[in-house]
């Protein structure tokens, strides 16, 4: 999948995606998802939010039981420049 991404100049994000601003949290989730078929991969990106509609921060206690995860939910249909 990553090799295919490197051939493109834009990526289309299908469905809503949970991300985090915390490297340690990202690493923990990546390591827990590893298997014989899956490797640990962490993508670092910058989000330009011109229209205030591409993500929602779930890092407050009124939204989550785990605010320390610093979760950011990306909107379905997001298009990213590579």
Protein backbone atom coordinates (compact mmCIF):
# COMPACT_ATOMS: atom_id res chain seq x y z
CA UNK A 1 0.00 0.00 0.00
CA UNK A 2 2.79 2.42 0.91
CA UNK A 3 4.59 1.72 -2.38
CA UNK A 4 1.39 2.65 -4.24
CA UNK A 5 1.10 5.90 -2.24
CA UNK A 6 4.62 6.96 -3.25
CA UNK A 7 3.56 6.87 -6.92
CA UNK A 8 0.72 9.36 -6.39
CA UNK A 9 0.64 13.10 -5.86
CA UNK A 10 -2.63 13.01 -3.88
CA UNK A 11 -4.23 10.51 -1.51
CA UNK A 12 -7.96 10.06 -0.98
CA UNK A 13 -8.85 9.12 2.61
CA UNK A 14 -11.74 6.65 2.53
CA UNK A 15 -13.93 6.68 5.61
CA UNK A 16 -13.22 8.47 8.87
CA UNK A 17 -9.72 7.85 10.26
CA UNK A 18 -8.56 8.05 13.82
CA UNK A 19 -5.14 9.67 14.24
CA UNK A 20 -3.18 11.11 17.14
CA UNK A 21 -0.90 14.07 17.83
CA UNK A 22 1.07 11.92 20.30
CA UNK A 23 3.93 9.83 18.86
CA UNK A 24 3.90 7.39 21.78
CA UNK A 25 0.20 6.70 21.29
CA UNK A 26 0.69 6.20 17.54
CA UNK A 27 3.54 3.79 18.21
CA UNK A 28 1.49 1.80 20.73
CA UNK A 29 -1.44 1.40 18.32
CA UNK A 30 0.90 0.50 15.43
CA UNK A 31 2.72 -2.12 17.50
CA UNK A 32 -0.55 -3.66 18.73
CA UNK A 33 -1.77 -4.02 15.12
CA UNK A 34 1.35 -5.86 13.95
CA UNK A 35 1.01 -9.44 12.70
CA UNK A 36 2.68 -11.77 10.23
CA UNK A 37 1.00 -9.81 7.43
CA UNK A 38 1.28 -6.30 8.89
CA UNK A 39 4.28 -4.13 9.77
CA UNK A 40 4.47 -1.15 12.09
CA UNK A 41 4.05 2.03 10.02
CA UNK A 42 3.67 5.57 11.32
CA UNK A 43 2.86 8.42 8.95
CA UNK A 44 3.63 11.99 9.97
CA UNK A 45 1.68 14.71 8.21
CA UNK A 46 0.65 18.35 8.47
CA UNK A 47 -2.98 19.30 8.02
CA UNK A 48 -3.96 22.67 6.59
CA UNK A 49 -7.50 23.32 7.77
CA UNK A 50 -8.65 26.21 5.58
CA UNK A 51 -12.39 25.59 5.90
CA UNK A 52 -12.55 24.16 9.45
CA UNK A 53 -14.12 20.93 8.27
CA UNK A 54 -11.41 18.32 7.83
CA UNK A 55 -10.88 17.07 11.37
CA UNK A 56 -12.25 17.00 14.88
CA UNK A 57 -10.05 16.92 17.99
CA UNK A 58 -11.21 14.32 20.51
CA UNK A 59 -8.74 15.24 23.23
CA UNK A 60 -11.18 16.75 25.72
CA UNK A 61 -12.86 14.86 28.55
CA UNK A 62 -16.35 15.71 27.27
CA UNK A 63 -15.56 13.77 24.05
CA UNK A 64 -13.48 10.82 25.25
CA UNK A 65 -12.48 8.75 28.24
CA UNK A 66 -8.88 8.88 26.96
CA UNK A 67 -7.90 12.55 26.45
CA UNK A 68 -4.19 11.73 26.84
CA UNK A 69 -4.34 9.85 23.50
CA UNK A 70 -4.72 13.27 21.79
CA UNK A 71 -6.96 11.68 19.15
CA UNK A 72 -7.82 13.58 15.99
CA UNK A 73 -10.60 12.22 13.80
CA UNK A 74 -10.07 12.91 10.08
CA UNK A 75 -13.14 13.51 7.95
CA UNK A 76 -14.16 10.94 5.34
CA UNK A 77 -13.31 12.01 1.80
CA UNK A 78 -10.27 14.06 2.74
CA UNK A 79 -7.84 14.52 -0.15
CA UNK A 80 -4.18 14.93 0.78
CA UNK A 81 -1.22 16.13 -1.30
CA UNK A 82 1.74 13.80 -1.07
